N, C-alpha and C. Protein backbone atom coordinates (compact mmCIF):
# COMPACT_ATOMS: atom_id res chain seq x y z
N MET A 1 59.39 55.35 26.97
CA MET A 1 59.85 56.54 27.67
C MET A 1 58.68 57.33 28.24
N ALA A 2 57.58 57.42 27.51
CA ALA A 2 56.43 58.18 27.98
C ALA A 2 55.92 57.61 29.30
N ARG A 3 55.91 56.28 29.44
CA ARG A 3 55.44 55.67 30.67
C ARG A 3 56.33 56.07 31.84
N LYS A 4 57.64 56.08 31.64
CA LYS A 4 58.56 56.48 32.70
C LYS A 4 58.31 57.93 33.11
N ASP A 5 58.11 58.82 32.13
CA ASP A 5 57.85 60.22 32.44
C ASP A 5 56.54 60.39 33.20
N ALA A 6 55.55 59.59 32.87
CA ALA A 6 54.26 59.68 33.54
C ALA A 6 54.37 59.26 35.00
N GLN A 7 55.35 58.43 35.32
CA GLN A 7 55.54 57.96 36.69
C GLN A 7 56.38 58.92 37.52
N ARG A 8 56.98 59.90 36.89
CA ARG A 8 57.77 60.87 37.64
C ARG A 8 56.86 61.62 38.59
N LYS A 9 57.36 61.86 39.80
CA LYS A 9 56.58 62.61 40.79
C LYS A 9 57.27 63.93 41.09
N PHE A 10 56.44 64.92 41.37
CA PHE A 10 56.94 66.25 41.67
C PHE A 10 56.22 66.80 42.89
N ALA A 11 56.89 67.71 43.57
CA ALA A 11 56.30 68.31 44.77
C ALA A 11 56.72 69.77 44.85
N VAL A 12 55.83 70.58 45.43
CA VAL A 12 56.12 71.99 45.67
C VAL A 12 56.61 72.11 47.10
N CYS A 13 57.71 72.82 47.28
CA CYS A 13 58.27 73.06 48.60
C CYS A 13 57.44 74.12 49.31
N ILE A 14 57.00 73.82 50.53
CA ILE A 14 56.23 74.78 51.31
C ILE A 14 56.93 75.17 52.61
N GLU A 15 58.07 74.55 52.89
CA GLU A 15 58.85 74.82 54.11
C GLU A 15 60.31 74.48 53.83
N ASN A 16 61.22 75.29 54.34
CA ASN A 16 62.64 74.99 54.12
C ASN A 16 63.49 75.25 55.37
N ARG A 17 62.87 75.15 56.52
CA ARG A 17 63.56 75.38 57.79
C ARG A 17 64.81 74.51 57.89
N ASP A 18 65.96 75.15 58.09
CA ASP A 18 67.26 74.47 58.24
C ASP A 18 67.70 73.73 56.97
N CYS A 19 67.16 74.11 55.81
CA CYS A 19 67.50 73.45 54.54
C CYS A 19 67.90 74.50 53.51
N GLU A 20 69.18 74.73 53.39
CA GLU A 20 69.66 75.76 52.47
C GLU A 20 69.47 75.41 51.00
N ASP A 21 69.27 74.14 50.70
CA ASP A 21 69.15 73.71 49.31
C ASP A 21 67.71 73.53 48.85
N LEU A 22 66.76 74.15 49.55
CA LEU A 22 65.36 74.14 49.14
C LEU A 22 64.85 75.56 49.06
N GLU A 23 64.03 75.83 48.04
CA GLU A 23 63.39 77.13 47.89
C GLU A 23 61.88 76.96 48.00
N ILE A 24 61.27 77.77 48.85
CA ILE A 24 59.82 77.72 49.01
C ILE A 24 59.16 78.12 47.69
N ARG A 25 58.07 77.44 47.35
CA ARG A 25 57.25 77.62 46.14
C ARG A 25 57.92 77.08 44.89
N LYS A 26 59.00 76.37 45.02
CA LYS A 26 59.67 75.77 43.86
C LYS A 26 59.25 74.31 43.73
N VAL A 27 59.16 73.83 42.48
CA VAL A 27 58.79 72.44 42.21
C VAL A 27 60.06 71.60 42.14
N TYR A 28 60.04 70.47 42.84
CA TYR A 28 61.18 69.55 42.87
C TYR A 28 60.74 68.15 42.44
N GLU A 29 61.66 67.44 41.82
CA GLU A 29 61.39 66.05 41.48
C GLU A 29 61.58 65.17 42.70
N VAL A 30 60.66 64.24 42.89
CA VAL A 30 60.70 63.30 44.00
C VAL A 30 61.05 61.92 43.46
N LEU A 31 62.06 61.31 44.03
CA LEU A 31 62.47 59.97 43.61
C LEU A 31 61.82 58.92 44.50
N PRO A 32 61.52 57.76 43.94
CA PRO A 32 60.90 56.71 44.76
C PRO A 32 61.86 56.22 45.85
N ASP A 33 61.35 56.10 47.07
CA ASP A 33 62.12 55.56 48.18
C ASP A 33 61.13 55.13 49.26
N GLN A 34 60.74 53.86 49.21
CA GLN A 34 59.74 53.33 50.13
C GLN A 34 60.19 53.41 51.59
N ASP A 35 61.46 53.13 51.84
CA ASP A 35 61.97 53.19 53.22
C ASP A 35 61.85 54.60 53.78
N ALA A 36 62.23 55.58 52.98
CA ALA A 36 62.14 56.98 53.41
C ALA A 36 60.67 57.36 53.66
N ALA A 37 59.80 56.97 52.75
CA ALA A 37 58.38 57.30 52.87
C ALA A 37 57.78 56.70 54.14
N SER A 38 58.20 55.50 54.48
CA SER A 38 57.66 54.86 55.68
C SER A 38 58.10 55.58 56.96
N GLU A 39 59.15 56.38 56.86
CA GLU A 39 59.65 57.16 58.00
C GLU A 39 59.20 58.63 57.95
N GLY A 40 58.39 58.98 56.91
CA GLY A 40 57.88 60.34 56.81
C GLY A 40 58.78 61.30 56.05
N TYR A 41 59.62 60.75 55.16
CA TYR A 41 60.54 61.57 54.37
C TYR A 41 60.31 61.37 52.88
N LEU A 42 60.74 62.35 52.09
CA LEU A 42 60.75 62.24 50.64
C LEU A 42 62.19 62.37 50.16
N ARG A 43 62.54 61.62 49.14
CA ARG A 43 63.85 61.75 48.50
C ARG A 43 63.68 62.74 47.35
N VAL A 44 64.28 63.91 47.49
CA VAL A 44 64.07 65.03 46.58
C VAL A 44 65.39 65.45 45.95
N ILE A 45 65.34 65.77 44.65
CA ILE A 45 66.51 66.35 43.99
C ILE A 45 66.45 67.85 44.28
N ASP A 46 67.38 68.31 45.11
CA ASP A 46 67.33 69.69 45.58
C ASP A 46 68.20 70.62 44.73
N GLU A 47 68.44 71.83 45.21
CA GLU A 47 69.20 72.83 44.47
C GLU A 47 70.64 72.43 44.19
N SER A 48 71.17 71.50 44.97
CA SER A 48 72.54 71.03 44.74
C SER A 48 72.61 70.10 43.53
N GLY A 49 71.44 69.63 43.07
CA GLY A 49 71.39 68.68 41.97
C GLY A 49 71.49 67.24 42.42
N GLU A 50 71.62 67.05 43.71
CA GLU A 50 71.71 65.71 44.29
C GLU A 50 70.39 65.39 45.00
N ASP A 51 70.18 64.11 45.26
CA ASP A 51 68.96 63.73 45.98
C ASP A 51 69.27 63.53 47.46
N TYR A 52 68.39 64.09 48.27
CA TYR A 52 68.50 64.01 49.72
C TYR A 52 67.13 63.78 50.33
N LEU A 53 67.13 63.32 51.55
CA LEU A 53 65.87 63.11 52.26
C LEU A 53 65.47 64.38 52.99
N TYR A 54 64.19 64.72 52.85
CA TYR A 54 63.61 65.87 53.54
C TYR A 54 62.28 65.44 54.16
N PRO A 55 61.85 66.12 55.22
CA PRO A 55 60.55 65.79 55.81
C PRO A 55 59.43 65.93 54.77
N GLU A 56 58.57 64.95 54.74
CA GLU A 56 57.43 64.97 53.81
C GLU A 56 56.57 66.21 54.02
N SER A 57 56.51 66.70 55.24
CA SER A 57 55.69 67.87 55.55
C SER A 57 56.21 69.15 54.91
N TYR A 58 57.40 69.13 54.36
CA TYR A 58 57.96 70.30 53.67
C TYR A 58 57.45 70.44 52.24
N PHE A 59 56.63 69.49 51.79
CA PHE A 59 56.22 69.45 50.39
C PHE A 59 54.74 69.12 50.24
N ILE A 60 54.20 69.54 49.09
CA ILE A 60 52.88 69.10 48.64
C ILE A 60 53.10 68.44 47.29
N LEU A 61 52.71 67.16 47.18
CA LEU A 61 52.83 66.46 45.90
C LEU A 61 51.86 67.08 44.90
N VAL A 62 52.32 67.23 43.66
CA VAL A 62 51.49 67.82 42.60
C VAL A 62 51.53 66.94 41.37
N GLN A 63 50.45 66.97 40.60
CA GLN A 63 50.42 66.29 39.32
C GLN A 63 50.60 67.33 38.23
N LEU A 64 51.54 67.05 37.33
CA LEU A 64 51.84 67.99 36.26
C LEU A 64 51.41 67.42 34.92
N THR A 65 51.17 68.29 33.98
CA THR A 65 50.88 67.85 32.62
C THR A 65 52.15 67.27 32.01
N ALA A 66 52.00 66.53 30.94
CA ALA A 66 53.14 65.95 30.25
C ALA A 66 54.11 67.05 29.79
N LYS A 67 53.56 68.14 29.31
CA LYS A 67 54.40 69.25 28.84
C LYS A 67 55.22 69.83 30.00
N ALA A 68 54.60 70.02 31.15
CA ALA A 68 55.31 70.55 32.31
C ALA A 68 56.41 69.59 32.75
N ARG A 69 56.13 68.28 32.76
CA ARG A 69 57.16 67.29 33.12
C ARG A 69 58.32 67.36 32.15
N ASP A 70 58.02 67.51 30.85
CA ASP A 70 59.08 67.60 29.84
C ASP A 70 59.96 68.83 30.06
N VAL A 71 59.32 69.95 30.37
CA VAL A 71 60.07 71.19 30.60
C VAL A 71 60.99 71.04 31.81
N LEU A 72 60.46 70.48 32.90
CA LEU A 72 61.28 70.31 34.09
C LEU A 72 62.41 69.31 33.86
N ALA A 73 62.15 68.26 33.11
CA ALA A 73 63.19 67.26 32.81
C ALA A 73 64.28 67.88 31.96
N ALA A 74 63.91 68.72 30.99
CA ALA A 74 64.89 69.37 30.12
C ALA A 74 65.74 70.36 30.91
N HIS A 75 65.11 71.06 31.85
CA HIS A 75 65.81 72.05 32.67
C HIS A 75 66.87 71.38 33.55
N ARG A 76 66.56 70.18 34.03
CA ARG A 76 67.48 69.46 34.92
C ARG A 76 68.65 68.85 34.18
N SER A 77 68.49 68.57 32.91
CA SER A 77 69.55 67.89 32.15
C SER A 77 70.73 68.78 31.89
């Protein structure tokens, strides 16, 4: 389980133009999606609790400590 948590990716939202389900300065979990990435998008779990594609430029990927990942995972459950 620890390995899976270490592979989780997160990003901070820096833009939300025309996206009601994103909040600027909030951290979101990013799901792997190679096809989306090749087109310049990230698959993000947004405020609706569902995953959607958003422009990669709307986010900055961040590395979190294990404790921070645990807190965010618990909050989402």
